[in-house]
Amino acid sequence: MKKILKYLAVIFALFFANPTSAIEPNSEFSRTSISVGVVVEDLNKSIDFYTKVVGMVVIRDLFVDSAKAKRMGLTKGETLSIKVLKLENVENATEIKLLSYGKKTKLSKQTSVSDANGIRYLTIFVKSLKPLLDRIAKNGIKTLGETPTMLDAKRQFVLIQDPDGNFVEFISAE
């Protein structure tokens, strides 16, 4: 019986020694990932890019009718048809939400990240650049700069642009 009580005392001490590890963190956020909305000129072209080149998967479609989109302050009355993509279809994976109004951008095509303010690029961490570089070549995507570039003794960097000129950088874990 003494052994059991001693064992329970150790478990009790470990449990309460670091109470933050035993309970949920005090946070106002319901998710630990952020969903990013990207307005694109050609939805099909962008879906092809993000699925066939980047390697993402479409996980769901969202639709917001024109009246609701206007009430929400998202549009001036246009409907929203959104494709949601993730790197993997797991609960807390970051989402990219693609939507299109079929309009050409009013921004000039950017040639470097420093050309405009705002959200300019996505960073995606990969285990290896080989599968990505194969998809880039297969789909005729141009890499920017002298990439792949070594970041340090192990990690490499590749920079490309999506069909609308948004930059997507990849960093390998190798």
Protein backbone atom coordinates (compact mmCIF):
# COMPACT_ATOMS: atom_id res chain seq x y z
CA MET A 1 0.00 0.00 0.00
CA LYS A 2 2.90 2.37 0.80
CA LYS A 3 4.32 1.71 -2.66
CA ILE A 4 1.01 2.60 -4.30
CA LEU A 5 0.68 5.81 -2.25
CA LYS A 6 4.27 6.75 -3.09
CA TYR A 7 3.60 6.10 -6.77
CA LEU A 8 0.42 8.21 -6.68
CA ALA A 9 2.29 11.01 -4.88
CA VAL A 10 4.90 11.07 -7.66
CA ILE A 11 2.22 11.19 -10.36
CA PHE A 12 0.37 13.94 -8.45
CA ALA A 13 3.59 15.98 -8.11
CA LEU A 14 4.43 15.60 -11.78
CA PHE A 15 0.92 16.54 -12.82
CA PHE A 16 0.83 19.71 -10.72
CA ALA A 17 4.51 20.66 -11.08
CA ASN A 18 3.77 22.12 -14.50
CA PRO A 19 0.04 22.78 -14.62
CA THR A 20 0.18 24.37 -18.07
CA SER A 21 1.09 21.03 -19.62
CA ALA A 22 -2.04 19.43 -18.18
CA ILE A 23 -4.61 22.03 -19.24
CA GLU A 24 -5.47 24.02 -22.32
CA PRO A 25 -3.51 27.24 -22.76
CA ASN A 26 -5.44 30.39 -21.91
CA SER A 27 -6.08 31.75 -25.39
CA GLU A 28 -8.80 33.63 -27.20
CA PHE A 29 -8.14 31.67 -30.40
CA SER A 30 -10.14 28.58 -31.33
CA ARG A 31 -7.55 27.40 -33.90
CA THR A 32 -3.77 27.64 -34.03
CA SER A 33 -3.58 28.07 -37.79
CA ILE A 34 -4.51 30.97 -40.05
CA SER A 35 -6.53 30.72 -43.26
CA VAL A 36 -5.31 32.99 -46.05
CA GLY A 37 -7.65 34.23 -48.78
CA VAL A 38 -6.15 34.77 -52.22
CA VAL A 39 -8.17 36.54 -54.93
CA VAL A 40 -7.07 35.20 -58.31
CA GLU A 41 -7.83 36.07 -61.92
CA ASP A 42 -8.40 32.52 -63.19
CA LEU A 43 -9.61 30.09 -60.53
CA ASN A 44 -8.95 26.91 -62.56
CA LYS A 45 -5.44 28.02 -63.48
CA SER A 46 -4.68 28.77 -59.82
CA ILE A 47 -6.15 25.49 -58.61
CA ASP A 48 -3.94 23.67 -61.13
CA PHE A 49 -0.89 25.59 -59.88
CA TYR A 50 -1.53 24.96 -56.19
CA THR A 51 -2.45 21.28 -56.67
CA LYS A 52 -0.16 20.17 -59.52
CA VAL A 53 2.91 22.31 -58.74
CA VAL A 54 2.77 23.03 -55.01
CA GLY A 55 1.13 19.70 -54.17
CA MET A 56 -1.87 20.95 -52.17
CA VAL A 57 -5.28 19.27 -52.06
CA VAL A 58 -8.71 20.86 -52.44
CA ILE A 59 -10.62 20.02 -49.27
CA ARG A 60 -13.90 21.88 -49.67
CA ASP A 61 -15.93 24.49 -51.53
CA LEU A 62 -17.54 27.49 -49.88
CA PHE A 63 -20.29 29.65 -51.33
CA VAL A 64 -21.55 33.02 -50.09
CA ASP A 65 -24.52 34.54 -51.91
CA SER A 66 -24.34 38.15 -53.10
CA ALA A 67 -26.58 39.63 -50.40
CA LYS A 68 -24.68 37.96 -47.58
CA ALA A 69 -21.28 38.80 -49.10
CA LYS A 70 -22.34 42.46 -49.28
CA ARG A 71 -23.73 42.42 -45.70
CA MET A 72 -20.45 40.93 -44.47
CA GLY A 73 -18.46 43.65 -46.21
CA LEU A 74 -16.63 41.17 -48.42
CA THR A 75 -17.93 42.40 -51.79
CA LYS A 76 -20.04 45.12 -53.36
CA GLY A 77 -22.66 42.51 -54.22
CA GLU A 78 -20.74 39.78 -56.03
CA THR A 79 -21.23 36.17 -54.98
CA LEU A 80 -18.25 34.28 -53.60
CA SER A 81 -17.32 30.81 -54.75
CA ILE A 82 -14.27 29.69 -52.81
CA LYS A 83 -12.02 26.63 -53.06
CA VAL A 84 -10.22 25.73 -49.84
CA LEU A 85 -6.83 24.00 -50.14
CA LYS A 86 -4.39 22.54 -47.62
CA LEU A 87 -0.98 20.91 -47.84
CA GLU A 88 -2.58 17.87 -46.19
CA ASN A 89 -6.18 17.29 -45.20
CA VAL A 90 -5.58 17.39 -41.45
CA GLU A 91 -7.53 19.47 -38.94
CA ASN A 92 -5.09 22.25 -38.02
CA ALA A 93 -3.30 22.59 -41.35
CA THR A 94 -3.13 26.09 -42.76
CA GLU A 95 -5.70 26.79 -45.45
CA ILE A 96 -5.46 28.81 -48.62
CA LYS A 97 -8.86 29.98 -49.83
CA LEU A 98 -8.87 30.74 -53.57
CA LEU A 99 -11.61 32.85 -55.11
CA SER A 100 -12.03 34.65 -58.39
CA TYR A 101 -14.20 37.34 -59.86
CA GLY A 102 -12.70 36.68 -63.30
CA LYS A 103 -11.17 40.15 -63.39
CA LYS A 104 -7.65 41.10 -64.35
CA THR A 105 -5.60 42.51 -61.51
CA LYS A 106 -5.16 46.25 -61.24
CA LEU A 107 -1.68 45.69 -59.85
CA SER A 108 1.28 45.39 -62.15
CA LYS A 109 3.04 42.05 -62.14
CA GLN A 110 5.60 41.98 -59.36
CA THR A 111 9.14 40.85 -60.07
CA SER A 112 10.38 40.78 -56.47
CA VAL A 113 8.90 40.69 -52.98
CA SER A 114 9.97 44.31 -52.41
CA ASP A 115 7.76 45.66 -55.25
CA ALA A 116 4.61 46.16 -53.14
CA ASN A 117 3.35 46.29 -49.58
CA GLY A 118 0.94 43.74 -48.14
CA ILE A 119 0.97 39.99 -48.02
CA ARG A 120 3.47 39.16 -50.76
CA TYR A 121 4.55 35.57 -50.29
CA LEU A 122 3.86 32.19 -48.73
CA THR A 123 6.54 30.05 -47.13
CA ILE A 124 6.15 26.30 -47.36
CA PHE A 125 8.54 23.95 -45.57
CA VAL A 126 9.25 20.66 -47.32
CA LYS A 127 11.25 17.58 -46.41
CA SER A 128 12.94 17.50 -49.81
CA LEU A 129 12.96 19.84 -52.81
CA LYS A 130 13.26 16.98 -55.33
CA PRO A 131 9.52 16.21 -55.74
CA LEU A 132 8.76 19.94 -55.93
CA LEU A 133 11.48 20.62 -58.52
CA ASP A 134 10.16 17.70 -60.59
CA ARG A 135 6.63 19.19 -60.54
CA ILE A 136 7.99 22.66 -61.33
CA ALA A 137 9.84 21.31 -64.39
CA LYS A 138 6.89 19.14 -65.50
CA ASN A 139 4.54 22.15 -65.38
CA GLY A 140 6.93 24.62 -67.01
CA ILE A 141 7.18 26.93 -63.99
CA LYS A 142 10.15 29.29 -63.88
CA THR A 143 12.15 29.51 -60.66
CA LEU A 144 13.25 32.99 -59.65
CA GLY A 145 16.77 34.11 -58.86
CA GLU A 146 19.49 31.54 -58.66
CA THR A 147 17.36 28.89 -57.05
CA PRO A 148 17.67 26.42 -55.52
CA THR A 149 19.95 28.38 -53.21
CA MET A 150 21.64 27.01 -50.11
CA LEU A 151 20.47 28.80 -46.95
CA ASP A 152 22.98 27.03 -44.74
CA ALA A 153 24.83 23.72 -44.69
CA LYS A 154 21.58 21.71 -44.86
CA ARG A 155 18.64 23.78 -46.04
CA GLN A 156 17.81 24.92 -49.57
CA PHE A 157 15.47 27.63 -50.86
CA VAL A 158 13.36 27.85 -54.04
CA LEU A 159 11.21 30.80 -55.11
CA ILE A 160 8.42 30.72 -57.72
CA GLN A 161 5.32 32.77 -58.54
CA ASP A 162 1.72 31.63 -58.88
CA PRO A 163 -0.30 32.61 -62.00
CA ASP A 164 -1.22 35.97 -60.41
CA GLY A 165 2.34 36.86 -59.45
CA ASN A 166 2.14 35.95 -55.76
CA PHE A 167 5.45 34.60 -54.52
CA VAL A 168 5.72 31.11 -53.05
CA GLU A 169 8.97 30.14 -51.35
CA PHE A 170 9.96 26.64 -50.36
CA ILE A 171 12.54 25.79 -47.72
CA SER A 172 13.82 22.25 -47.41
CA ALA A 173 14.49 20.56 -44.10
CA GLU A 174 17.44 18.61 -45.55
